[in-house]
């Protein structure tokens, strides 16, 4: 007999779906921003070019940090789903 588990599987799956959509959108935007930055940068010289390059790298690193955090959150939610399903089978 399976034990009832008080866990909202639907809500957890909606969280995962939203994380996946957000990660996809951020990955797309990150790539477009990098490409646009290269195009805009062109043949700039001097301190503004150096500042722009630094800002572009920081922005890319920030986007990667957010993607990593979202991946970790997705993993935690999926683990909770898996544990709840396993508990129901007990």
Protein backbone atom coordinates (compact mmCIF):
# COMPACT_ATOMS: atom_id res chain seq x y z
CA UNK A 1 0.00 0.00 0.00
CA UNK A 2 1.26 3.47 -0.84
CA UNK A 3 1.36 6.12 1.82
CA UNK A 4 -0.20 9.47 1.00
CA UNK A 5 2.40 12.18 0.60
CA UNK A 6 1.44 15.82 1.04
CA UNK A 7 3.30 17.17 -1.98
CA UNK A 8 1.97 19.29 -4.82
CA UNK A 9 3.51 17.54 -7.80
CA UNK A 10 1.75 19.84 -10.26
CA UNK A 11 3.14 22.98 -8.64
CA UNK A 12 6.62 21.49 -8.51
CA UNK A 13 6.44 20.60 -12.20
CA UNK A 14 5.26 24.12 -13.02
CA UNK A 15 8.32 25.48 -11.19
CA UNK A 16 10.58 23.21 -13.25
CA UNK A 17 8.82 24.24 -16.47
CA UNK A 18 9.26 27.92 -15.62
CA UNK A 19 12.93 27.42 -14.74
CA UNK A 20 13.44 25.68 -18.09
CA UNK A 21 11.73 28.54 -19.97
CA UNK A 22 13.73 31.15 -18.09
CA UNK A 23 17.02 29.34 -18.69
CA UNK A 24 16.25 29.01 -22.39
CA UNK A 25 15.37 32.70 -22.68
CA UNK A 26 18.46 33.78 -20.73
CA UNK A 27 20.74 31.53 -22.79
CA UNK A 28 19.33 33.02 -25.99
CA UNK A 29 19.65 36.59 -24.73
CA UNK A 30 23.17 35.94 -23.49
CA UNK A 31 24.26 34.74 -26.91
CA UNK A 32 22.59 37.63 -28.71
CA UNK A 33 24.09 40.19 -26.33
CA UNK A 34 27.57 38.75 -26.83
CA UNK A 35 27.20 38.81 -30.63
CA UNK A 36 25.76 42.32 -30.62
CA UNK A 37 28.56 43.45 -28.33
CA UNK A 38 31.16 42.20 -30.77
CA UNK A 39 29.41 44.02 -33.61
CA UNK A 40 29.06 47.25 -31.64
CA UNK A 41 32.64 47.07 -30.40
CA UNK A 42 33.97 47.15 -33.95
CA UNK A 43 37.16 49.12 -34.12
CA UNK A 44 36.82 51.14 -30.92
CA UNK A 45 40.09 52.15 -29.32
CA UNK A 46 40.96 53.69 -26.00
CA UNK A 47 39.48 53.69 -22.50
CA UNK A 48 35.84 53.42 -23.56
CA UNK A 49 36.62 50.32 -25.57
CA UNK A 50 38.38 48.75 -22.58
CA UNK A 51 35.47 49.66 -20.31
CA UNK A 52 32.96 48.26 -22.80
CA UNK A 53 34.91 45.00 -23.00
CA UNK A 54 34.97 44.70 -19.22
CA UNK A 55 31.26 45.41 -18.95
CA UNK A 56 30.50 42.84 -21.63
CA UNK A 57 32.54 40.15 -19.87
CA UNK A 58 30.96 40.99 -16.49
CA UNK A 59 27.49 40.83 -18.02
CA UNK A 60 28.25 37.44 -19.56
CA UNK A 61 29.64 36.15 -16.26
CA UNK A 62 26.56 37.42 -14.41
CA UNK A 63 24.29 35.65 -16.89
CA UNK A 64 26.25 32.43 -16.40
CA UNK A 65 25.94 32.76 -12.61
CA UNK A 66 22.15 33.11 -12.94
CA UNK A 67 22.03 30.10 -15.27
CA UNK A 68 24.03 28.07 -12.74
CA UNK A 69 21.72 29.12 -9.90
CA UNK A 70 18.65 28.19 -11.92
CA UNK A 71 20.17 24.79 -12.76
CA UNK A 72 20.85 24.17 -9.06
CA UNK A 73 17.30 25.19 -8.14
CA UNK A 74 15.87 22.92 -10.84
CA UNK A 75 17.92 20.04 -9.47
CA UNK A 76 16.64 20.65 -5.92
CA UNK A 77 13.02 20.75 -7.09
CA UNK A 78 13.48 17.59 -9.17
CA UNK A 79 15.09 15.85 -6.18
CA UNK A 80 12.07 16.81 -4.04
CA UNK A 81 9.72 15.37 -6.67
CA UNK A 82 11.74 12.17 -6.84
CA UNK A 83 11.83 11.80 -3.05
CA UNK A 84 8.07 12.39 -2.76
CA UNK A 85 7.39 9.77 -5.45
CA UNK A 86 9.70 7.31 -3.68
CA UNK A 87 7.95 7.98 -0.36
CA UNK A 88 4.58 7.33 -1.99
CA UNK A 89 5.78 3.93 -3.17
CA UNK A 90 6.71 2.87 0.37
